[in-house]
Protein backbone atom coordinates (compact mmCIF):
# COMPACT_ATOMS: atom_id res chain seq x y z
CA MET A 1 75.83 -70.07 -37.44
CA PHE A 2 75.03 -66.40 -37.91
CA ARG A 3 74.42 -66.79 -41.63
CA SER A 4 71.45 -69.07 -40.92
CA TRP A 5 69.57 -66.12 -39.44
CA ASN A 6 69.81 -64.32 -42.76
CA ARG A 7 68.33 -67.16 -44.81
CA ARG A 8 64.88 -66.53 -46.29
CA ARG A 9 62.45 -68.75 -44.35
CA PHE A 10 59.49 -68.28 -46.71
CA ASP A 11 59.24 -66.75 -50.15
CA LEU A 12 56.54 -64.21 -50.98
CA VAL A 13 54.18 -66.73 -52.59
CA GLU A 14 54.31 -69.02 -49.55
CA LEU A 15 53.54 -66.13 -47.20
CA LEU A 16 50.63 -65.07 -49.39
CA LEU A 17 49.17 -68.57 -49.43
CA ILE A 18 49.53 -68.94 -45.66
CA THR A 19 47.84 -65.56 -45.13
CA LEU A 20 44.97 -66.46 -47.44
CA PHE A 21 44.50 -69.81 -45.74
CA LEU A 22 44.29 -68.15 -42.32
CA VAL A 23 41.80 -65.58 -43.63
CA VAL A 24 39.57 -68.34 -45.01
CA CYS A 25 39.73 -70.24 -41.72
CA LEU A 26 38.82 -67.12 -39.76
CA TRP A 27 35.96 -66.37 -42.16
CA PHE A 28 34.47 -69.84 -41.66
CA ALA A 29 34.92 -69.57 -37.90
CA GLY A 30 33.33 -66.13 -37.81
CA GLU A 31 30.37 -67.20 -39.91
CA GLY A 32 29.74 -70.17 -37.63
CA ALA A 33 30.02 -68.06 -34.50
CA LEU A 34 27.63 -65.47 -35.93
CA SER A 35 24.98 -68.07 -36.67
CA SER A 36 25.58 -69.90 -33.42
CA PHE A 37 25.03 -66.89 -31.23
CA GLY A 38 22.46 -65.11 -33.36
CA ARG A 39 21.77 -61.42 -32.97
CA GLN A 40 22.67 -59.50 -29.85
CA GLY A 41 20.38 -57.42 -27.71
CA PRO A 42 17.77 -58.01 -25.00
CA GLU A 43 15.03 -59.21 -27.37
CA ALA A 44 17.33 -61.79 -28.94
CA SER A 45 18.53 -62.95 -25.53
CA ARG A 46 14.97 -63.37 -24.30
CA GLU A 47 13.99 -65.36 -27.39
CA ARG A 48 16.99 -67.68 -27.08
CA ALA A 49 16.27 -68.14 -23.38
CA ARG A 50 12.64 -68.97 -24.14
CA LEU A 51 13.61 -71.57 -26.73
CA SER A 52 16.29 -73.07 -24.50
CA ALA A 53 13.90 -73.37 -21.57
CA ALA A 54 11.27 -75.06 -23.72
CA TYR A 55 13.43 -77.31 -25.92
CA GLY A 56 17.02 -77.26 -24.62
CA PRO A 57 19.59 -77.46 -23.45
CA GLY A 58 20.92 -79.71 -26.24
CA HIS A 59 20.10 -80.08 -29.93
CA TYR A 60 21.18 -82.25 -32.85
CA SER A 61 21.15 -79.40 -35.37
CA GLN A 62 24.28 -77.36 -35.96
CA TYR A 63 22.87 -74.29 -34.27
CA TYR A 64 19.36 -73.42 -33.01
CA GLU A 65 17.41 -74.73 -36.00
CA GLU A 66 15.98 -77.70 -34.11
CA TRP A 67 14.55 -75.53 -31.34
CA ILE A 68 12.99 -73.18 -33.89
CA ILE A 69 11.40 -76.01 -35.88
CA ARG A 70 10.01 -77.66 -32.76
CA ASP A 71 8.71 -74.32 -31.55
CA PHE A 72 6.95 -73.56 -34.83
CA PHE A 73 5.24 -76.95 -34.93
CA ARG A 74 4.71 -77.06 -31.14
CA ASP A 75 6.19 -80.57 -31.10
CA LYS A 76 3.60 -81.82 -33.57
CA ARG A 77 3.80 -85.58 -34.08
CA ASP A 78 3.80 -87.70 -37.24
CA GLY A 79 4.61 -84.98 -39.72
CA VAL A 80 6.31 -85.27 -43.12
CA PHE A 81 9.64 -83.63 -43.96
CA VAL A 82 11.93 -83.26 -46.96
CA ASP A 83 15.60 -82.61 -46.16
CA VAL A 84 17.59 -81.25 -49.13
CA GLY A 85 21.33 -81.39 -48.47
CA ALA A 86 20.73 -83.79 -45.60
CA ASN A 87 24.38 -84.77 -44.97
CA HIS A 88 24.99 -86.82 -41.77
CA PHE A 89 22.03 -88.81 -40.43
CA ARG A 90 22.25 -87.12 -37.00
CA ASP A 91 25.07 -84.61 -36.53
CA GLY A 92 23.93 -81.18 -37.66
CA SER A 93 20.58 -82.55 -38.80
CA THR A 94 17.42 -80.43 -38.75
CA THR A 95 15.21 -83.53 -39.02
CA TYR A 96 16.75 -86.18 -36.74
CA TYR A 97 14.83 -85.08 -33.65
CA LEU A 98 11.56 -84.99 -35.60
CA GLU A 99 11.96 -88.62 -36.62
CA LYS A 100 13.61 -89.99 -33.48
CA HIS A 101 11.37 -88.38 -30.88
CA LEU A 102 8.22 -87.20 -32.65
CA GLY A 103 7.57 -90.00 -35.14
CA TRP A 104 7.98 -87.95 -38.32
CA SER A 105 8.86 -89.57 -41.64
CA GLY A 106 10.34 -88.15 -44.77
CA VAL A 107 12.94 -87.99 -47.50
CA ALA A 108 16.66 -87.19 -47.24
CA LEU A 109 18.39 -85.93 -50.40
CA GLU A 110 22.17 -85.79 -50.38
CA PRO A 111 24.67 -86.30 -53.26
CA GLN A 112 27.23 -88.08 -51.06
CA ALA A 113 26.20 -91.72 -51.19
CA ALA A 114 28.55 -92.55 -48.29
CA PHE A 115 25.86 -91.28 -45.89
CA GLU A 116 23.23 -93.74 -47.10
CA ALA A 117 24.24 -96.74 -44.96
CA ASP A 118 23.74 -94.84 -41.69
CA TYR A 119 20.37 -93.52 -42.84
CA ARG A 120 19.26 -97.08 -43.55
CA ARG A 121 20.52 -98.21 -40.15
CA PHE A 122 19.49 -95.34 -37.89
CA ARG A 123 16.70 -93.54 -39.78
CA PRO A 124 14.09 -96.22 -40.66
CA ARG A 125 11.38 -93.63 -41.37
CA THR A 126 13.56 -91.75 -43.86
CA ARG A 127 14.03 -92.62 -47.51
CA PHE A 128 17.53 -91.61 -48.62
CA PHE A 129 18.46 -90.72 -52.21
CA ALA A 130 22.01 -89.96 -53.37
CA VAL A 131 21.10 -87.14 -55.76
CA PHE A 132 21.82 -83.47 -56.28
CA VAL A 133 18.58 -81.48 -56.20
CA SER A 134 18.58 -78.85 -58.93
CA ASP A 135 16.40 -77.06 -61.48
CA VAL A 136 16.71 -79.87 -64.03
CA SER A 137 16.49 -83.66 -63.82
CA ASN A 138 18.56 -86.38 -65.50
CA HIS A 139 21.78 -84.40 -65.76
CA THR A 140 25.06 -84.83 -63.89
CA ALA A 141 26.45 -82.33 -61.39
CA ARG A 142 30.12 -82.21 -60.47
CA LEU A 143 30.56 -81.35 -56.80
CA TYR A 144 33.69 -80.50 -54.84
CA MET A 145 34.79 -81.19 -51.25
CA SER A 146 37.37 -78.80 -49.84
CA ALA A 147 40.25 -79.57 -47.51
CA LEU A 148 38.57 -77.32 -44.94
CA ASP A 149 35.36 -79.38 -44.84
CA SER A 150 35.55 -82.78 -46.51
CA GLN A 151 31.92 -83.66 -45.66
CA THR A 152 30.35 -80.73 -47.51
CA ALA A 153 29.89 -80.95 -51.28
CA SER A 154 29.43 -77.82 -53.37
CA LEU A 155 29.09 -76.90 -57.03
CA ARG A 156 31.53 -74.05 -56.43
CA GLN A 157 35.25 -74.38 -55.87
CA HIS A 158 35.08 -71.07 -53.96
CA SER A 159 38.67 -70.09 -54.70
CA PRO A 160 41.49 -71.64 -56.73
CA LEU A 161 43.76 -71.01 -53.73
CA VAL A 162 41.72 -73.24 -51.41
CA PRO A 163 42.83 -76.88 -51.82
CA PHE A 164 40.22 -79.50 -52.68
CA VAL A 165 40.36 -83.08 -51.53
CA THR A 166 38.26 -84.62 -54.28
CA HIS A 167 35.15 -84.26 -56.37
CA LEU A 168 32.12 -86.42 -57.10
CA ASP A 169 29.56 -86.63 -59.86
CA ALA A 170 25.92 -86.98 -58.85
CA PRO A 171 22.70 -87.32 -60.84
CA THR A 172 20.42 -84.29 -60.71
CA VAL A 173 16.70 -84.27 -60.03
CA THR A 174 14.14 -81.59 -59.40
CA LEU A 175 12.22 -81.73 -56.17
CA LEU A 176 8.99 -81.69 -58.15
CA ASP A 177 9.98 -84.74 -60.21
CA LEU A 178 11.20 -86.73 -57.23
CA LEU A 179 8.21 -86.07 -54.97
CA ASP A 180 5.83 -86.86 -57.80
CA ARG A 181 7.69 -90.13 -58.38
CA LEU A 182 7.37 -90.97 -54.67
CA GLY A 183 3.68 -90.12 -54.58
CA ILE A 184 4.12 -87.35 -52.00
CA SER A 185 1.50 -84.63 -52.38
CA GLN A 186 2.02 -82.52 -49.25
CA ILE A 187 4.85 -81.89 -46.79
CA ASP A 188 4.97 -80.16 -43.44
CA PHE A 189 8.61 -79.16 -43.28
CA LEU A 190 11.17 -78.46 -46.01
CA SER A 191 14.86 -77.98 -45.12
CA ILE A 192 17.30 -76.69 -47.78
CA ASP A 193 21.05 -76.39 -47.22
CA VAL A 194 23.00 -76.78 -50.46
CA GLU A 195 25.95 -74.38 -50.32
CA LEU A 196 24.69 -71.49 -52.50
CA SER A 197 22.68 -73.71 -54.88
CA GLU A 198 19.42 -72.82 -53.11
CA PRO A 199 18.06 -70.90 -56.15
CA LYS A 200 18.38 -74.02 -58.30
CA VAL A 201 16.49 -76.09 -55.73
CA LEU A 202 13.71 -73.51 -55.50
CA ASP A 203 13.33 -73.20 -59.27
CA GLY A 204 12.63 -76.92 -59.53
CA SER A 205 10.73 -77.30 -56.28
CA GLY A 206 7.08 -77.04 -57.37
CA ILE A 207 6.46 -75.30 -54.08
CA ASP A 208 2.90 -74.34 -55.03
CA ARG A 209 2.11 -78.04 -55.45
CA PHE A 210 3.41 -79.23 -52.07
CA ARG A 211 2.94 -76.05 -50.06
CA PRO A 212 5.18 -76.86 -47.05
CA THR A 213 4.00 -75.29 -43.81
CA LEU A 214 7.53 -74.29 -42.84
CA VAL A 215 10.68 -73.88 -44.92
CA CYS A 216 14.12 -73.51 -43.33
CA ILE A 217 16.61 -72.40 -45.97
CA GLU A 218 20.24 -71.36 -45.66
CA ALA A 219 20.52 -67.81 -46.99
CA HIS A 220 24.05 -66.55 -47.51
CA PRO A 221 24.33 -62.93 -48.72
CA GLU A 222 25.04 -64.05 -52.29
CA VAL A 223 21.62 -65.72 -52.64
CA ARG A 224 19.54 -64.07 -49.91
CA GLN A 225 17.75 -61.56 -52.15
CA TYR A 226 16.86 -64.26 -54.67
CA ILE A 227 15.38 -66.36 -51.87
CA LEU A 228 13.37 -63.45 -50.47
CA ASP A 229 12.01 -62.56 -53.91
CA TYR A 230 11.13 -66.17 -54.68
CA PHE A 231 9.08 -66.71 -51.55
CA ALA A 232 7.34 -63.35 -51.85
CA LYS A 233 6.32 -64.30 -55.38
CA HIS A 234 4.83 -67.55 -54.06
CA PHE A 235 2.99 -65.86 -51.18
CA TYR A 236 5.23 -66.94 -48.33
CA VAL A 237 6.31 -64.66 -45.50
CA VAL A 238 9.34 -64.67 -43.20
CA VAL A 239 8.69 -65.86 -39.65
CA GLY A 240 10.15 -62.71 -38.14
CA ARG A 241 10.69 -63.75 -34.53
CA TYR A 242 13.25 -66.35 -35.55
CA LEU A 243 15.45 -63.71 -37.20
CA LEU A 244 16.55 -62.79 -33.69
CA VAL A 245 17.95 -66.25 -33.05
CA ASP A 246 19.28 -67.53 -36.39
CA THR A 247 21.28 -65.19 -38.62
CA LEU A 248 22.22 -67.78 -41.25
CA ASN A 249 18.88 -69.37 -42.16
CA LEU A 250 15.52 -67.86 -43.11
CA TYR A 251 12.19 -69.41 -42.09
CA PHE A 252 9.16 -69.05 -44.36
CA THR A 253 5.50 -70.00 -43.95
CA PRO A 254 2.55 -69.49 -46.32
CA LEU A 255 0.85 -66.13 -46.04
CA GLY A 256 -2.06 -66.37 -43.61
CA THR A 257 -0.72 -69.35 -41.65
CA ALA A 258 -1.71 -68.80 -38.05
CA ARG A 259 1.22 -69.31 -35.64
């Protein structure tokens, strides 16, 4: 009986893997909490309270994106959106409210074809395409879904120590090629959330052609400077007041847009 207490319960490799797994889980949880609550301080609190009073208390988007988008457009009706990395038709969507309640129409681009059926059923004003938006068309991208988030596909495996459930291969297309093919010449709102592949989307976007009035783009530290430089080069500016509320995404509008 006493000898069982002296048995090694875990070897060193197992302990290391468990520790790494917990660190990754905490990192994801911390990143989500940071974006969810935004910056701290009285100015941030007042801005969140203003948005909540005007557009809350609920939202379909993962965090406060929906309130910010509605605020920028002042609940404009019948706009046009393009949602890159659209994922689920409703949960976490930055465009569901626009279509459902304000009559917007648009395009949803998402490499996971499993989402298409629900878009066809619940999003009649949205055209769904199972593609990976990149800087080159007519290639194939291999994407990975991790055990931590099986609904999110990424070009990167992040770490060889994080287990992956599966992978999928998706055709690539540039935003410029696709919108030209669809006959779309101007868009009001562009949403980009593609797990660190944002630079590839921007390089093939033809943003000067379509000149979206507002861009919401996920900007992790690894790609944030590239994103800032890209939009400055194309004469877009950050909508500064939203930095108080959303610490994960950046919001850009063409220089000189009155808001």
